[in-house]
Amino acid sequence: MDSFDVADAEFEAEQITPELVVDLRYGYDAGTEAVSAVRFGLVVGGDEIASERLDTSRAVFEGQTGLTGRLTDSSAWDASDFAVEVGETVTRDVSVRVVFEVLDRSDSVLVSDTASDTATVEIAHPQANAWTATVGGTGTIQDAE
């Protein structure tokens, strides 16, 4: 596969629901073998969080596709891992792997490739401390008579 890079991300929030979106470029040459499909898998922490299968009979092809999956669909991450206490910052290193397979008529892998990267996700709570006070409103001056 070409180079594969997952960008680091920074958020200012109390909690996020992290979603990984990847755009993939791919190519293959299976010679004279009978191809029936190509398959892509998006793996986080050892669990596939998204996949796609494209049926084709082309033995040689180049193309693009995309995959999207929530990091919390992996057993490696829980929603609480992306929640932040007041005034705190958390940093999570997320390992991402993409699997690409070219399949024959019996769904056996003719040729495959993988690519991986690690991205850092940082979440900072927008408040500096737990003690806050706010006041606001509107007012008018009128004749009391």
Protein backbone atom coordinates (compact mmCIF):
# COMPACT_ATOMS: atom_id res chain seq x y z
CA MET A 1 0.00 0.00 0.00
CA ASP A 2 1.08 3.60 -0.40
CA SER A 3 2.09 5.56 2.64
CA PHE A 4 -0.52 5.52 5.40
CA ASP A 5 -0.77 8.35 7.90
CA VAL A 6 -3.38 8.97 10.56
CA ALA A 7 -3.18 12.56 11.81
CA ASP A 8 -3.01 13.39 15.51
CA ALA A 9 -6.12 15.14 16.87
CA GLU A 10 -6.76 17.67 19.62
CA PHE A 11 -10.15 18.46 21.16
CA GLU A 12 -11.42 20.83 23.80
CA ALA A 13 -14.40 19.07 25.35
CA GLU A 14 -15.65 17.24 28.40
CA GLN A 15 -15.97 14.05 26.38
CA ILE A 16 -15.75 13.01 22.74
CA THR A 17 -16.93 10.02 20.73
CA PRO A 18 -13.89 9.46 18.52
CA GLU A 19 -14.55 8.33 14.98
CA LEU A 20 -11.81 7.30 12.60
CA VAL A 21 -12.27 8.20 8.94
CA VAL A 22 -9.75 6.88 6.42
CA ASP A 23 -9.47 7.48 2.70
CA LEU A 24 -7.60 4.66 1.00
CA ARG A 25 -5.82 4.40 -2.33
CA TYR A 26 -5.20 0.86 -3.51
CA GLY A 27 -3.94 -1.10 -6.43
CA TYR A 28 -3.34 -4.73 -7.31
CA ASP A 29 -2.23 -7.04 -10.08
CA ALA A 30 -3.38 -10.65 -9.79
CA GLY A 31 -1.96 -11.70 -13.16
CA THR A 32 -4.23 -14.22 -14.85
CA GLU A 33 -5.97 -15.32 -11.63
CA ALA A 34 -9.76 -15.07 -11.43
CA VAL A 35 -10.59 -12.27 -8.99
CA SER A 36 -14.05 -12.09 -7.38
CA ALA A 37 -13.68 -9.25 -4.84
CA VAL A 38 -11.45 -6.95 -2.88
CA ARG A 39 -11.84 -6.50 0.87
CA PHE A 40 -10.73 -3.76 3.24
CA GLY A 41 -10.61 -3.88 7.02
CA LEU A 42 -10.00 -1.08 9.52
CA VAL A 43 -8.42 -2.46 12.70
CA VAL A 44 -7.96 -0.65 16.00
CA GLY A 45 -6.33 -2.41 18.93
CA GLY A 46 -6.72 -5.83 17.32
CA ASP A 47 -10.46 -5.47 16.54
CA GLU A 48 -11.92 -4.74 13.13
CA ILE A 49 -14.12 -1.66 13.55
CA ALA A 50 -15.12 -1.27 9.88
CA SER A 51 -14.89 -3.24 6.65
CA GLU A 52 -15.94 -3.11 3.05
CA ARG A 53 -16.12 -5.68 0.28
CA LEU A 54 -16.26 -4.69 -3.36
CA ASP A 55 -17.16 -7.35 -5.92
CA THR A 56 -15.08 -7.23 -9.11
CA SER A 57 -13.72 -9.47 -11.82
CA ARG A 58 -10.78 -7.23 -12.71
CA ALA A 59 -7.37 -8.88 -12.35
CA VAL A 60 -5.59 -5.50 -12.39
CA PHE A 61 -7.01 -2.33 -10.88
CA GLU A 62 -6.28 0.89 -9.01
CA GLY A 63 -8.89 2.77 -7.04
CA GLN A 64 -9.97 4.60 -3.92
CA THR A 65 -12.39 3.86 -1.11
CA GLY A 66 -13.08 4.98 2.43
CA LEU A 67 -13.82 3.42 5.81
CA THR A 68 -15.28 4.94 8.97
CA GLY A 69 -15.50 3.41 12.44
CA ARG A 70 -15.74 4.45 16.07
CA LEU A 71 -12.66 3.81 18.18
CA THR A 72 -14.94 2.63 21.00
CA ASP A 73 -16.11 -0.26 18.80
CA SER A 74 -12.70 -1.77 19.59
CA SER A 75 -12.26 -3.63 22.87
CA ALA A 76 -9.10 -1.55 23.36
CA TRP A 77 -11.08 1.64 24.05
CA ASP A 78 -14.07 2.54 26.21
CA ALA A 79 -16.11 5.75 26.11
CA SER A 80 -14.67 6.67 29.51
CA ASP A 81 -11.17 6.71 27.96
CA PHE A 82 -12.21 9.85 26.08
CA ALA A 83 -13.83 11.66 29.02
CA VAL A 84 -11.92 14.37 30.85
CA GLU A 85 -12.17 15.68 34.41
CA VAL A 86 -12.51 19.42 34.94
CA GLY A 87 -9.23 21.21 34.27
CA GLU A 88 -7.51 18.02 33.07
CA THR A 89 -6.10 16.80 29.77
CA VAL A 90 -5.88 13.18 28.61
CA THR A 91 -3.74 11.78 25.82
CA ARG A 92 -4.45 8.47 24.08
CA ASP A 93 -2.18 6.75 21.55
CA VAL A 94 -4.33 4.87 19.06
CA SER A 95 -2.86 2.09 16.89
CA VAL A 96 -4.56 1.81 13.50
CA ARG A 97 -4.07 -0.86 10.86
CA VAL A 98 -5.64 -1.22 7.42
CA VAL A 99 -5.89 -4.64 5.76
CA PHE A 100 -6.37 -5.00 1.98
CA GLU A 101 -7.11 -8.37 0.36
CA VAL A 102 -7.75 -9.48 -3.21
CA LEU A 103 -9.99 -12.57 -3.20
CA ASP A 104 -10.59 -15.40 -5.67
CA ARG A 105 -13.92 -17.13 -6.38
CA SER A 106 -13.70 -19.22 -3.20
CA ASP A 107 -12.86 -16.10 -1.12
CA SER A 108 -9.27 -17.24 -0.64
CA VAL A 109 -6.73 -14.44 -0.52
CA LEU A 110 -4.74 -14.14 -3.74
CA VAL A 111 -2.65 -11.17 -2.62
CA SER A 112 -2.82 -8.78 0.34
CA ASP A 113 -1.19 -5.82 2.01
CA THR A 114 -1.40 -4.03 5.35
CA ALA A 115 -0.44 -0.59 6.58
CA SER A 116 -0.38 0.82 10.08
CA ASP A 117 0.16 4.02 12.02
CA THR A 118 -0.28 5.37 15.54
CA ALA A 119 -2.12 8.63 16.16
CA THR A 120 -2.31 10.66 19.36
CA VAL A 121 -5.69 11.92 20.54
CA GLU A 122 -5.61 14.71 23.12
CA ILE A 123 -8.73 15.94 24.91
CA ALA A 124 -8.59 18.98 27.19
CA HIS A 125 -11.52 19.97 29.42
CA PRO A 126 -12.61 23.50 28.49
CA GLN A 127 -12.91 24.65 32.11
CA ALA A 128 -9.84 25.48 34.17
CA ASN A 129 -11.44 24.41 37.47
CA ALA A 130 -14.69 23.09 38.93
CA TRP A 131 -15.61 26.38 40.65
CA THR A 132 -17.50 28.74 38.37
CA ALA A 133 -20.16 31.43 38.63
CA THR A 134 -21.95 33.28 35.84
CA VAL A 135 -24.70 35.87 35.72
CA GLY A 136 -26.45 37.61 32.84
CA GLY A 137 -29.73 39.00 31.60
CA THR A 138 -31.32 42.18 30.28
CA GLY A 139 -32.73 45.31 31.91
CA THR A 140 -34.72 48.44 31.11
CA ILE A 141 -35.44 51.69 32.91
CA GLN A 142 -39.06 52.74 33.05
CA ASP A 143 -41.27 55.32 34.71
CA ALA A 144 -42.61 53.95 37.99
CA GLU A 145 -45.78 56.11 37.89
